[in-house]
Protein backbone atom coordinates (compact mmCIF):
# COMPACT_ATOMS: atom_id res chain seq x y z
CA MET A 1 22.58 15.39 21.05
CA PRO A 2 21.96 13.42 24.28
CA SER A 3 23.19 14.91 27.55
CA SER A 4 26.03 13.31 29.53
CA ARG A 5 23.60 11.36 31.73
CA ALA A 6 21.67 10.25 28.67
CA GLU A 7 24.90 9.25 26.95
CA ASP A 8 25.78 7.06 29.93
CA LEU A 9 22.44 5.23 29.67
CA VAL A 10 22.83 4.84 25.91
CA ALA A 11 26.36 3.48 26.38
CA TYR A 12 25.08 1.04 29.02
CA HIS A 13 22.35 -0.10 26.63
CA GLU A 14 24.88 -0.74 23.84
CA TRP A 15 27.28 -2.58 26.18
CA HIS A 16 24.47 -4.80 27.47
CA ARG A 17 23.37 -5.61 23.90
CA ARG A 18 26.91 -6.53 22.90
CA THR A 19 27.54 -8.60 26.04
CA PHE A 20 24.22 -10.37 26.55
CA ALA A 21 22.61 -9.98 23.10
CA LYS A 22 19.55 -8.28 24.57
CA ALA A 23 18.49 -4.94 26.01
CA PRO A 24 18.77 -4.46 29.78
CA ALA A 25 15.49 -5.00 31.63
CA GLY A 26 13.85 -1.85 32.99
CA LEU A 27 16.12 0.65 31.23
CA HIS A 28 13.30 2.10 29.10
CA ALA A 29 11.15 2.64 32.17
CA ALA A 30 14.09 4.16 34.05
CA TRP A 31 14.69 6.55 31.15
CA ASP A 32 11.05 7.71 31.21
CA LEU A 33 11.08 8.14 35.01
CA ALA A 34 14.27 10.19 34.78
CA ARG A 35 12.67 12.39 32.13
CA ASP A 36 9.56 12.93 34.25
CA ALA A 37 11.69 13.78 37.29
CA GLY A 38 13.75 16.30 35.32
CA VAL A 39 16.99 14.33 35.62
CA LEU A 40 17.08 13.94 31.84
CA THR A 41 16.27 16.80 29.50
CA GLU A 42 15.65 14.62 26.42
CA GLU A 43 12.21 14.99 24.83
CA LEU A 44 12.14 11.56 23.18
CA PRO A 45 11.86 8.14 24.85
CA LEU A 46 14.87 5.83 24.80
CA ARG A 47 13.53 3.76 21.93
CA ARG A 48 13.37 6.82 19.67
CA THR A 49 16.76 8.09 20.85
CA LEU A 50 18.34 4.78 19.85
CA ALA A 51 16.59 4.65 16.47
CA ARG A 52 18.93 4.71 13.49
CA GLY A 53 18.79 7.91 11.48
CA PRO A 54 19.17 8.28 7.71
CA LEU A 55 22.49 7.23 6.22
CA SER A 56 24.70 9.65 4.35
CA THR A 57 24.98 9.28 0.59
CA ALA A 58 28.45 7.76 0.93
CA GLN A 59 27.11 5.21 3.45
CA LEU A 60 24.26 4.29 1.09
CA VAL A 61 26.76 3.62 -1.69
CA ASP A 62 29.27 1.76 0.48
CA ARG A 63 26.58 -0.69 1.66
CA TYR A 64 27.06 -2.61 -1.59
CA GLY A 65 30.79 -3.17 -1.19
CA ILE A 66 32.02 -1.62 -4.44
CA ARG A 67 35.71 -0.73 -4.77
CA PRO A 68 36.91 2.76 -3.76
CA GLY A 69 37.74 4.71 -6.87
CA PRO A 70 36.49 7.16 -9.48
CA VAL A 71 33.23 5.33 -10.24
CA ARG A 72 32.36 5.02 -6.55
CA ASP A 73 33.01 8.77 -6.10
CA LEU A 74 30.90 9.51 -9.18
CA LEU A 75 27.94 7.54 -7.81
CA VAL A 76 28.16 9.40 -4.49
CA ARG A 77 28.28 12.75 -6.30
CA TYR A 78 25.39 11.84 -8.61
CA LEU A 79 23.16 10.71 -5.74
CA ASP A 80 24.07 13.85 -3.79
CA GLU A 81 22.80 15.88 -6.75
CA ARG A 82 19.55 13.92 -6.79
CA ARG A 83 19.04 13.82 -3.02
CA PRO A 84 17.32 17.22 -2.51
CA SER A 85 14.48 16.25 -4.88
CA LEU A 86 13.91 12.76 -3.43
CA ASP A 87 12.62 11.44 -0.15
CA TYR A 88 14.97 9.10 1.70
CA SER A 89 13.11 5.95 0.70
CA SER A 90 13.30 6.88 -3.01
CA LEU A 91 16.98 7.81 -2.67
CA SER A 92 17.73 4.46 -1.03
CA GLY A 93 15.86 2.67 -3.82
CA LEU A 94 17.78 4.54 -6.50
CA ALA A 95 21.07 3.64 -4.81
CA SER A 96 19.97 0.01 -4.76
CA GLN A 97 19.38 0.08 -8.52
CA LEU A 98 22.46 2.03 -9.62
CA VAL A 99 24.98 0.67 -7.13
CA GLY A 100 23.64 -2.73 -6.12
CA ALA A 101 21.92 -4.00 -9.26
CA PHE A 102 24.19 -2.25 -11.77
CA TRP A 103 27.74 -1.34 -10.80
CA ALA A 104 28.32 -3.93 -8.05
CA ASP A 105 27.30 -6.61 -10.55
CA ILE A 106 29.60 -5.14 -13.22
CA GLU A 107 32.56 -5.16 -10.82
CA LYS A 108 31.81 -8.72 -9.77
CA HIS A 109 31.94 -10.03 -13.34
CA HIS A 110 34.63 -7.62 -14.63
CA PRO A 111 37.22 -7.15 -11.84
CA GLY A 112 39.35 -4.04 -12.18
CA ILE A 113 36.94 -2.15 -14.41
CA SER A 114 36.99 1.62 -13.83
CA SER A 115 35.00 3.09 -16.71
CA LEU A 116 31.27 3.45 -17.38
CA HIS A 117 31.96 2.85 -21.06
CA LEU A 118 31.10 -0.85 -21.26
CA ALA A 119 31.89 -3.15 -24.13
CA PRO A 120 28.77 -4.26 -26.04
CA GLU A 121 29.13 -7.89 -24.90
CA ALA A 122 29.54 -6.79 -21.24
CA ALA A 123 26.45 -4.59 -21.46
CA GLU A 124 24.34 -7.35 -23.03
CA ALA A 125 25.49 -9.90 -20.43
CA TRP A 126 24.53 -7.54 -17.59
CA LYS A 127 21.09 -6.87 -19.09
CA GLN A 128 20.45 -10.60 -19.03
CA ARG A 129 21.74 -11.05 -15.47
CA VAL A 130 19.64 -8.18 -14.12
CA LYS A 131 16.46 -10.11 -14.93
CA VAL A 132 17.09 -12.47 -12.00
CA ILE A 133 18.13 -12.02 -8.37
CA THR A 134 20.94 -14.29 -7.24
CA ARG A 135 21.81 -14.83 -3.59
CA GLU A 136 24.54 -17.02 -2.23
CA GLY A 137 23.22 -20.44 -1.27
CA LYS A 138 19.79 -19.78 -2.81
CA ALA A 139 18.23 -20.50 -6.18
CA PRO A 140 17.88 -17.51 -8.53
CA VAL A 141 14.46 -15.85 -8.61
CA PRO A 142 13.04 -13.57 -11.34
CA ARG A 143 13.41 -9.84 -10.66
CA GLU A 144 9.97 -8.29 -11.09
CA ASN A 145 11.23 -4.71 -11.52
CA TRP A 146 14.13 -5.40 -13.88
CA VAL A 147 12.76 -2.95 -16.46
CA SER A 148 12.81 -0.15 -13.88
CA VAL A 149 16.47 -0.96 -13.18
CA LEU A 150 17.23 -0.53 -16.89
CA ALA A 151 15.30 2.76 -16.91
CA ALA A 152 17.25 4.04 -13.87
CA VAL A 153 20.60 3.19 -15.48
CA ARG A 154 19.60 4.84 -18.76
CA ALA A 155 18.40 7.96 -16.90
CA PHE A 156 21.73 8.01 -15.02
CA HIS A 157 23.73 8.17 -18.27
CA LEU A 158 21.37 10.71 -19.84
CA ASP A 159 21.68 12.94 -16.76
CA LEU A 160 25.47 12.82 -16.95
CA ALA A 161 25.39 13.79 -20.63
CA GLU A 162 22.99 16.68 -19.99
CA TRP A 163 24.85 17.99 -16.95
CA ALA A 164 28.14 17.89 -18.92
CA LEU A 165 26.75 20.64 -21.18
CA GLU A 166 26.60 23.01 -18.22
CA ASP A 167 29.42 21.69 -16.02
CA PRO A 168 32.53 20.31 -17.79
CA SER A 169 33.48 18.27 -14.71
CA TRP A 170 30.79 15.75 -15.69
CA ALA A 171 32.04 15.48 -19.27
CA VAL A 172 34.54 12.67 -18.62
CA TRP A 173 31.60 10.44 -17.60
CA ALA A 174 29.38 11.30 -20.58
CA VAL A 175 29.60 7.94 -22.34
CA PRO A 176 27.08 5.92 -24.38
CA SER A 177 24.46 4.29 -22.20
CA PRO A 178 24.53 0.47 -22.04
CA VAL A 179 20.73 0.61 -22.08
CA ARG A 180 19.17 1.55 -25.41
CA ARG A 181 15.74 3.10 -25.78
CA SER A 182 14.43 -0.16 -27.22
CA ASP A 183 15.58 -2.03 -24.09
CA THR A 184 13.03 -0.13 -21.99
CA GLY A 185 10.25 -0.62 -24.51
CA GLY A 186 8.71 -3.28 -22.31
CA PHE A 187 8.19 -0.78 -19.49
CA THR A 188 4.78 0.22 -20.87
CA LYS A 189 3.76 -3.43 -21.13
CA VAL A 190 4.84 -4.02 -17.54
CA LYS A 191 2.82 -1.01 -16.37
CA LYS A 192 -0.27 -2.18 -18.25
CA LYS A 193 0.09 -5.65 -16.77
CA ALA A 194 0.43 -4.19 -13.26
CA ARG A 195 -2.60 -1.97 -13.83
CA ALA A 196 -4.72 -4.91 -15.01
CA LYS A 197 -3.66 -6.88 -11.95
CA MET A 198 -4.52 -3.94 -9.71
CA HIS A 199 -7.96 -3.56 -11.30
CA GLN A 200 -8.64 -7.26 -10.82
CA ARG A 201 -7.76 -6.93 -7.13
CA VAL A 202 -10.35 -4.16 -6.79
CA ARG A 203 -13.03 -6.17 -8.63
CA GLU A 204 -12.47 -9.12 -6.29
CA ARG A 205 -12.26 -7.12 -3.06
CA LEU A 206 -14.81 -4.33 -3.37
CA PRO A 207 -17.89 -6.62 -3.29
CA ARG A 208 -16.52 -8.41 -0.20
CA LEU A 209 -15.66 -5.24 1.71
CA PRO A 210 -18.99 -5.13 3.64
CA GLU A 211 -18.23 -8.60 5.02
CA LEU A 212 -14.82 -7.47 6.25
CA VAL A 213 -16.29 -4.35 7.87
CA ALA A 214 -19.04 -6.38 9.54
CA THR A 215 -16.47 -8.84 10.90
CA ALA A 216 -14.41 -6.03 12.43
CA GLU A 217 -17.49 -4.44 14.01
CA GLN A 218 -18.82 -7.73 15.41
CA HIS A 219 -15.46 -8.79 16.82
CA HIS A 220 -14.94 -5.45 18.57
CA ALA A 221 -18.45 -5.54 20.04
CA ASP A 222 -17.86 -9.11 21.23
CA GLN A 223 -14.53 -8.22 22.87
CA GLN A 224 -16.15 -5.22 24.56
CA ARG A 225 -18.86 -7.42 26.08
CA LEU A 226 -16.30 -10.02 27.14
CA LEU A 227 -14.14 -7.40 28.86
CA SER A 228 -17.14 -5.84 30.57
CA ALA A 229 -18.28 -9.23 31.85
CA ALA A 230 -14.80 -9.94 33.23
CA GLU A 231 -14.52 -6.51 34.90
CA ALA A 232 -17.85 -7.12 36.66
CA THR A 233 -16.64 -10.47 38.01
CA PRO A 234 -14.51 -10.69 41.20
CA VAL A 235 -11.09 -12.28 40.88
CA GLY A 236 -11.32 -16.04 41.27
CA GLU A 237 -14.98 -16.23 40.23
CA THR A 238 -16.27 -17.66 36.96
CA PHE A 239 -18.49 -16.06 34.34
CA THR A 240 -20.02 -17.07 31.01
CA HIS A 241 -19.80 -15.32 27.67
CA GLY A 242 -20.81 -16.62 24.27
CA GLY A 243 -21.40 -20.12 25.60
CA ARG A 244 -17.88 -20.38 27.09
CA HIS A 245 -16.94 -20.35 30.78
CA TYR A 246 -14.11 -18.17 32.05
CA GLN A 247 -12.45 -17.57 35.37
CA ARG A 248 -11.25 -14.10 36.32
CA VAL A 249 -7.62 -14.29 37.43
CA ASP A 250 -5.24 -11.78 38.95
CA ARG A 251 -1.80 -10.69 37.78
CA LYS A 252 -0.09 -13.02 40.18
CA HIS A 253 -1.47 -15.93 38.18
CA ASP A 254 0.09 -14.62 34.96
CA ARG A 255 3.20 -16.54 33.97
CA SER A 256 4.54 -13.48 32.14
CA ARG A 257 4.22 -11.22 35.16
CA LYS A 258 7.65 -9.67 34.65
CA ARG A 259 6.71 -8.52 31.18
CA LEU A 260 3.43 -7.04 32.37
CA HIS A 261 4.75 -5.43 35.55
CA TYR A 262 4.58 -1.87 34.26
CA ARG A 263 1.15 -2.06 32.66
CA PRO A 264 -1.24 0.17 34.64
CA THR A 265 -4.41 -1.86 34.10
CA ILE A 266 -4.98 -5.36 32.84
CA VAL A 267 -7.88 -7.81 32.97
CA LEU A 268 -6.98 -11.47 32.71
CA ALA A 269 -9.25 -14.46 32.31
CA GLN A 270 -8.62 -18.19 32.06
CA ASP A 271 -10.55 -20.92 30.29
CA PRO A 272 -10.87 -23.67 32.96
CA ALA A 273 -11.38 -26.34 30.30
CA THR A 274 -8.17 -25.66 28.38
CA GLY A 275 -6.11 -23.65 30.83
CA GLU A 276 -5.67 -20.94 28.18
CA GLN A 277 -5.06 -17.52 29.70
CA LEU A 278 -6.38 -14.46 27.88
CA ASP A 279 -5.35 -10.83 28.13
CA LEU A 280 -8.81 -9.35 27.66
CA THR A 281 -7.58 -5.75 27.88
CA ARG A 282 -5.19 -6.27 25.01
CA SER A 283 -7.70 -8.26 22.93
CA GLU A 284 -10.30 -5.51 23.20
CA ASP A 285 -7.69 -2.87 22.39
CA GLU A 286 -6.54 -4.66 19.25
CA ALA A 287 -10.15 -5.26 18.17
CA PHE A 288 -10.92 -1.55 18.55
CA TRP A 289 -7.91 -0.39 16.54
CA ALA A 290 -8.55 -2.96 13.81
CA TRP A 291 -12.04 -1.53 13.43
CA ALA A 292 -10.79 2.09 13.54
CA VAL A 293 -8.07 1.47 10.93
CA ILE A 294 -10.41 -0.27 8.47
CA GLU A 295 -13.13 2.36 8.84
CA THR A 296 -10.78 5.32 8.45
CA LEU A 297 -9.02 3.85 5.42
CA ARG A 298 -12.23 3.05 3.59
CA HIS A 299 -13.87 6.42 4.30
CA THR A 300 -10.86 8.57 3.35
CA GLY A 301 -8.75 6.69 0.80
CA ILE A 302 -5.59 8.03 2.44
CA ARG A 303 -2.23 6.27 2.34
CA LEU A 304 -1.03 4.18 5.27
CA GLU A 305 1.69 6.68 6.15
CA GLU A 306 -0.89 9.50 6.10
CA LEU A 307 -3.15 7.50 8.39
CA LEU A 308 -0.43 7.05 10.99
CA GLU A 309 0.46 10.76 10.78
CA LEU A 310 -3.08 11.96 11.56
CA THR A 311 -3.27 14.09 14.68
CA GLN A 312 -6.04 15.82 16.57
CA LEU A 313 -4.81 19.05 14.99
CA ALA A 314 -5.80 17.70 11.56
CA LEU A 315 -9.49 18.25 12.30
CA VAL A 316 -10.41 21.75 11.14
CA SER A 317 -13.63 23.55 10.15
CA TYR A 318 -14.52 25.62 7.10
CA ARG A 319 -17.36 28.06 6.58
CA LEU A 320 -19.04 27.93 3.16
CA SER A 321 -19.13 31.38 1.57
CA ASP A 322 -22.59 31.02 -0.01
CA THR A 323 -24.58 29.48 2.87
CA GLY A 324 -22.42 30.19 5.90
CA GLU A 325 -22.57 26.50 6.84
CA ILE A 326 -19.61 25.18 8.83
CA VAL A 327 -18.31 21.85 7.55
CA PRO A 328 -15.64 19.65 9.17
CA LEU A 329 -12.47 18.94 7.19
CA LEU A 330 -9.57 16.55 7.67
CA GLN A 331 -6.17 18.06 6.94
CA VAL A 332 -3.85 15.45 5.44
CA VAL A 333 -0.18 16.33 5.87
CA PRO A 334 2.19 16.01 2.91
CA SER A 335 3.24 12.44 2.23
CA LYS A 336 4.23 10.87 -1.07
CA SER A 337 3.44 13.89 -3.23
CA ASN A 338 4.52 16.48 -0.63
CA GLU A 339 1.20 18.24 -1.24
CA GLU A 340 -1.15 19.08 1.60
CA ARG A 341 -4.86 18.54 1.01
CA LEU A 342 -8.19 18.76 2.82
CA LEU A 343 -10.87 16.07 2.88
CA LEU A 344 -14.51 16.61 3.71
CA VAL A 345 -15.41 14.61 6.83
CA SER A 346 -18.49 12.48 6.18
CA PRO A 347 -20.87 11.67 9.06
CA GLU A 348 -19.56 8.09 9.12
CA LEU A 349 -15.94 9.24 9.32
CA ALA A 350 -16.82 11.85 11.94
CA SER A 351 -18.30 9.12 14.13
CA VAL A 352 -15.15 6.99 13.84
CA LEU A 353 -12.76 9.87 14.63
CA ALA A 354 -14.92 11.03 17.53
CA THR A 355 -14.83 7.53 19.00
CA VAL A 356 -11.03 7.42 18.65
CA ILE A 357 -10.56 10.81 20.33
CA SER A 358 -12.97 9.92 23.12
CA ARG A 359 -11.06 6.71 23.80
CA LEU A 360 -7.70 8.48 23.94
CA ARG A 361 -9.03 11.23 26.20
CA GLY A 362 -10.77 8.81 28.55
CA ASP A 363 -7.49 7.04 29.26
CA ASN A 364 -5.44 10.21 29.79
CA ASP A 365 -7.32 12.67 32.02
CA GLY A 366 -9.36 14.19 29.23
CA ILE A 367 -6.54 15.07 26.78
CA VAL A 368 -5.02 13.27 23.80
CA PRO A 369 -1.48 12.22 24.81
CA LEU A 370 1.51 13.67 22.98
CA VAL A 371 3.70 11.02 21.36
CA ALA A 372 6.56 11.19 18.84
CA ARG A 373 6.31 9.07 15.71
CA TYR A 374 9.30 7.39 14.11
CA ASP A 375 9.12 7.54 10.31
CA PRO A 376 10.45 4.19 9.00
CA HIS A 377 10.86 5.64 5.50
CA GLU A 378 12.77 8.81 6.33
CA LEU A 379 14.37 7.23 9.46
CA VAL A 380 13.64 10.30 11.57
CA THR A 381 11.58 10.90 14.72
CA GLY A 382 9.04 13.70 14.66
CA LEU A 383 7.97 16.05 17.43
CA PRO A 384 5.55 14.90 20.16
CA LEU A 385 2.04 15.46 18.76
CA PRO A 386 -1.51 14.33 19.65
CA HIS A 387 -1.51 11.44 17.19
CA LEU A 388 -4.87 9.75 16.74
CA PHE A 389 -3.62 6.25 15.98
CA GLN A 390 -1.63 5.60 19.14
CA ARG A 391 -2.02 2.94 21.79
CA ARG A 392 -0.51 1.95 25.08
CA VAL A 393 2.33 -0.55 24.79
CA GLY A 394 3.38 -1.74 28.25
CA TRP A 395 4.09 1.31 30.37
CA LYS A 396 4.28 3.77 27.48
CA ARG A 397 2.30 5.03 24.53
CA ASP A 398 3.43 4.86 20.93
CA VAL A 399 2.03 5.48 17.46
CA ILE A 400 0.80 2.27 15.84
CA THR A 401 3.47 0.86 13.55
CA THR A 402 3.10 -0.22 9.95
CA ASN A 403 3.63 -3.86 10.91
CA MET A 404 0.94 -3.58 13.57
CA VAL A 405 -1.56 -2.27 11.02
CA TYR A 406 -0.89 -5.29 8.81
CA GLN A 407 -1.23 -7.62 11.80
CA LEU A 408 -4.58 -6.11 12.81
CA LEU A 409 -5.82 -6.33 9.23
CA ASN A 410 -4.65 -9.91 8.77
CA ASP A 411 -6.26 -11.00 12.05
CA THR A 412 -9.57 -9.53 10.88
CA LEU A 413 -9.23 -11.25 7.50
CA ALA A 414 -8.62 -14.58 9.24
CA ARG A 415 -11.86 -14.16 11.19
CA ALA A 416 -13.80 -13.16 8.07
CA SER A 417 -12.55 -16.22 6.11
CA LEU A 418 -12.86 -14.41 2.78
CA SER A 419 -11.78 -16.23 -0.39
CA ASP A 420 -11.46 -15.38 -4.08
CA PRO A 421 -13.29 -17.23 -6.91
CA THR A 422 -10.56 -19.90 -6.95
CA GLY A 423 -10.98 -20.62 -3.26
CA GLN A 424 -7.73 -18.94 -2.21
CA PRO A 425 -7.72 -16.66 0.86
CA LEU A 426 -8.55 -13.08 -0.10
CA ASN A 427 -6.02 -10.73 1.44
CA TYR A 428 -6.28 -6.95 1.71
CA THR A 429 -3.51 -4.38 1.98
CA PRO A 430 -4.00 -0.82 3.28
CA HIS A 431 -3.54 0.47 -0.28
CA ASP A 432 -6.43 -1.71 -1.50
CA PHE A 433 -8.79 0.52 0.50
CA ARG A 434 -7.40 3.54 -1.37
CA ARG A 435 -8.11 1.98 -4.76
CA ILE A 436 -11.56 0.85 -3.63
CA PHE A 437 -12.32 4.37 -2.38
CA ALA A 438 -11.32 5.84 -5.76
CA THR A 439 -13.39 3.31 -7.70
CA GLU A 440 -16.51 3.84 -5.58
CA ALA A 441 -16.15 7.63 -5.73
CA VAL A 442 -15.85 7.81 -9.52
CA ALA A 443 -18.54 5.17 -10.06
CA GLY A 444 -20.79 7.22 -7.76
CA GLY A 445 -20.47 10.28 -10.01
CA LEU A 446 -17.46 12.14 -8.61
CA PRO A 447 -15.51 13.66 -11.53
CA VAL A 448 -12.09 12.14 -12.03
CA HIS A 449 -10.28 15.47 -11.64
CA ILE A 450 -11.97 16.01 -8.26
CA ALA A 451 -11.09 12.46 -7.22
CA ALA A 452 -7.47 13.21 -8.12
CA ARG A 453 -7.48 16.22 -5.77
CA VAL A 454 -9.05 14.15 -2.99
CA LEU A 455 -6.46 11.40 -3.39
CA GLY A 456 -3.56 13.83 -3.67
CA HIS A 457 -2.57 12.80 -7.20
CA ALA A 458 -0.66 15.28 -9.33
CA SER A 459 -1.77 13.55 -12.55
CA LEU A 460 -5.20 12.42 -13.70
CA THR A 461 -3.54 9.40 -15.31
CA THR A 462 -2.58 8.11 -11.87
CA THR A 463 -6.17 8.41 -10.65
CA GLU A 464 -7.54 6.74 -13.78
CA ALA A 465 -5.16 3.84 -13.16
CA TYR A 466 -6.70 3.41 -9.69
CA VAL A 467 -10.28 3.23 -10.94
CA ALA A 468 -11.40 -0.26 -11.89
CA VAL A 469 -14.30 -0.62 -14.33
CA PHE A 470 -16.80 -3.33 -13.45
CA GLN A 471 -18.65 -5.19 -16.21
CA ASP A 472 -22.00 -4.15 -14.73
CA ASP A 473 -20.95 -0.50 -14.76
CA LEU A 474 -19.83 -0.82 -18.38
CA ILE A 475 -23.15 -2.33 -19.50
CA ARG A 476 -25.18 0.13 -17.43
CA SER A 477 -23.29 3.15 -18.76
CA TYR A 478 -23.53 1.98 -22.38
CA ARG A 479 -27.27 1.35 -22.05
CA ALA A 480 -27.71 4.84 -20.61
CA PHE A 481 -25.81 6.20 -23.61
CA LEU A 482 -28.06 4.30 -26.02
CA ASP A 483 -31.20 5.49 -24.22
CA GLN A 484 -29.97 9.08 -24.41
CA ARG A 485 -29.20 8.75 -28.10
CA ARG A 486 -32.55 7.15 -28.87
CA ALA A 487 -34.37 9.96 -27.07
CA VAL A 488 -33.34 12.45 -29.77
CA ARG A 489 -34.20 10.16 -32.73
CA PRO A 490 -37.65 9.57 -34.29
CA ALA A 491 -39.51 6.84 -32.40
CA GLU A 492 -40.46 4.97 -35.61
CA GLU A 493 -36.80 4.21 -36.23
CA TYR A 494 -36.78 1.95 -33.16
CA ARG A 495 -39.92 -0.12 -33.83
CA GLU A 496 -39.73 -3.92 -33.61
CA PRO A 497 -38.96 -5.51 -37.02
CA THR A 498 -41.55 -7.74 -38.68
CA GLU A 499 -40.86 -11.43 -39.31
CA ASP A 500 -40.30 -10.80 -43.04
CA GLU A 501 -37.85 -7.98 -42.30
CA TRP A 502 -35.96 -10.13 -39.83
CA ARG A 503 -35.80 -13.06 -42.30
CA GLU A 504 -34.53 -10.73 -45.03
CA PHE A 505 -31.89 -9.37 -42.64
CA GLN A 506 -30.59 -12.86 -41.82
CA GLN A 507 -30.67 -13.94 -45.49
CA HIS A 508 -28.55 -10.90 -46.39
CA PHE A 509 -25.70 -12.13 -44.16
CA HIS A 510 -26.02 -15.69 -45.47
CA THR A 511 -25.76 -14.44 -49.07
CA ARG A 512 -22.89 -12.17 -48.18
CA LYS A 513 -21.06 -15.09 -46.57
CA LEU A 514 -21.36 -17.17 -49.73
CA GLU A 515 -20.39 -14.27 -51.95
CA LEU A 516 -17.13 -13.84 -50.08
CA GLY A 517 -16.35 -17.54 -50.33
CA ASP A 518 -16.42 -17.93 -46.54
CA CYS A 519 -18.54 -21.07 -46.32
CA ALA A 520 -16.60 -23.09 -43.73
CA ARG A 521 -14.74 -25.19 -46.33
CA PRO A 522 -11.44 -26.85 -45.31
CA TYR A 523 -8.45 -24.58 -45.68
CA GLY A 524 -6.74 -24.88 -49.08
CA THR A 525 -9.69 -26.58 -50.83
CA PRO A 526 -11.72 -24.95 -53.66
CA CYS A 527 -15.09 -23.45 -52.84
CA ARG A 528 -17.94 -25.49 -54.25
CA HIS A 529 -19.88 -22.25 -54.74
CA GLU A 530 -17.16 -20.76 -56.94
CA HIS A 531 -18.49 -19.44 -60.30
CA VAL A 532 -22.05 -20.18 -59.19
CA PRO A 533 -24.47 -17.37 -60.13
CA LEU A 534 -25.81 -15.55 -57.07
CA THR A 535 -29.34 -16.35 -58.22
CA GLU A 536 -28.59 -20.03 -57.63
CA LEU A 537 -27.06 -19.53 -54.18
CA ALA A 538 -30.42 -19.94 -52.52
CA TRP A 539 -30.34 -23.64 -53.62
CA ALA A 540 -26.83 -24.21 -52.29
CA PRO A 541 -27.88 -25.38 -48.82
CA PHE A 542 -29.99 -28.15 -50.40
CA GLU A 543 -27.29 -29.56 -52.67
CA VAL A 544 -25.92 -32.98 -51.86
CA ASN A 545 -22.29 -33.73 -52.54
CA SER A 546 -21.78 -36.71 -54.83
């Protein structure tokens, strides 16, 4: 709970937003200065103090504007029962399906309804409507996850029926589900289609990954050299880099001086030919973090949320019991599966993480700064920790956001100019690196059950769905199988056939084809070889139709 002084600043911020539709200038910096001076006792910066926390279950339900009444109260109670076993993002998604896609739609088309027991025609009409998303003033669009909505509604009714056996208060709501088992039969087909699409993404992106990595490395090296050249040039003088001429300029020449007033260091340069002004400090910083993000994702296979939660404390060591060797490990905090795991740090990953830590220490008196991360899924702010993926934003430091990761990745993709076989731009998402990591690991000989532990999967089926099989791998593996099988068979069984043996082999299939009446005649017409003795079939190819 903010103190009285903090409450005054928060109230001023809200008043200014309501009155002028923007935040007051300098308030964030004033908040931080007051914290440093001990005037404020709050641990979090103003931005995190103002961040919206998770909604209550009743607020999640009421977002969809359903009528107050027994069904609304039931939905709140049901979601409250499910809440302890779900993260906030999953709970919000379930509320969207049950309240938004199901009951809000039922109320819209059947005003005054107050029972879950739907008439057959009402249930069938809803199952057709749920396949599309309709918004006021916009054309309907197909709903990709409509089968999952049906599955959630069916599970809702089955839960009510099961709970009624133990608690009679649920019994009044134990009614037949509007979704039959056969209605969700397409769920398996949808999953197979999604898996095939995912595998195709891996097949298209894995071979092009070295190009993306090289682009990130080259761009960062180029921005480093450009920044170094500018720093070595006095303000007002010109310098050349990469065949282009630049002029070093001071802050007073920056048109956005007010925005940059609190930044401690900044190197600006201007292209005399175009007048374009460049923030070289920011460009080098973004190039570095783009490289660091891509390298860490591809060497670990961790999720995006896990990447942004990495701290200096995650680097631990382990002594092998048999050899006494000390190996570095990366401790990945619980994320989607709520299961902590340890990853072996490869030399390549160790180099990347060491570079990140060195950069953070060099800009903060030899220590990694403590910053608090806001979780956009759980809508909570964590404790200040030495996060590895943090950067300076204006006068303050903050953990890199999810949107910023996508921006860095998309900028690198634009420079790489990658395209798929159809000529369309080839985009990557952070999760693509996870699937590529799994595919390379299993193809390289790592057992699937070990890959599942590395990825943090509770089921081998999930890991198998990540692993894409390449045609080359399929052929290579099958040839290895044949070679292994042949090695235990007599060598004479695999000699090359003679010409007579090969001719006899082909003639056997030709005779068999004629015997079965499959001689490429038009459908529905009699076979001209019908009732012909097999001894005469050898002359059939030389007959001429009259």
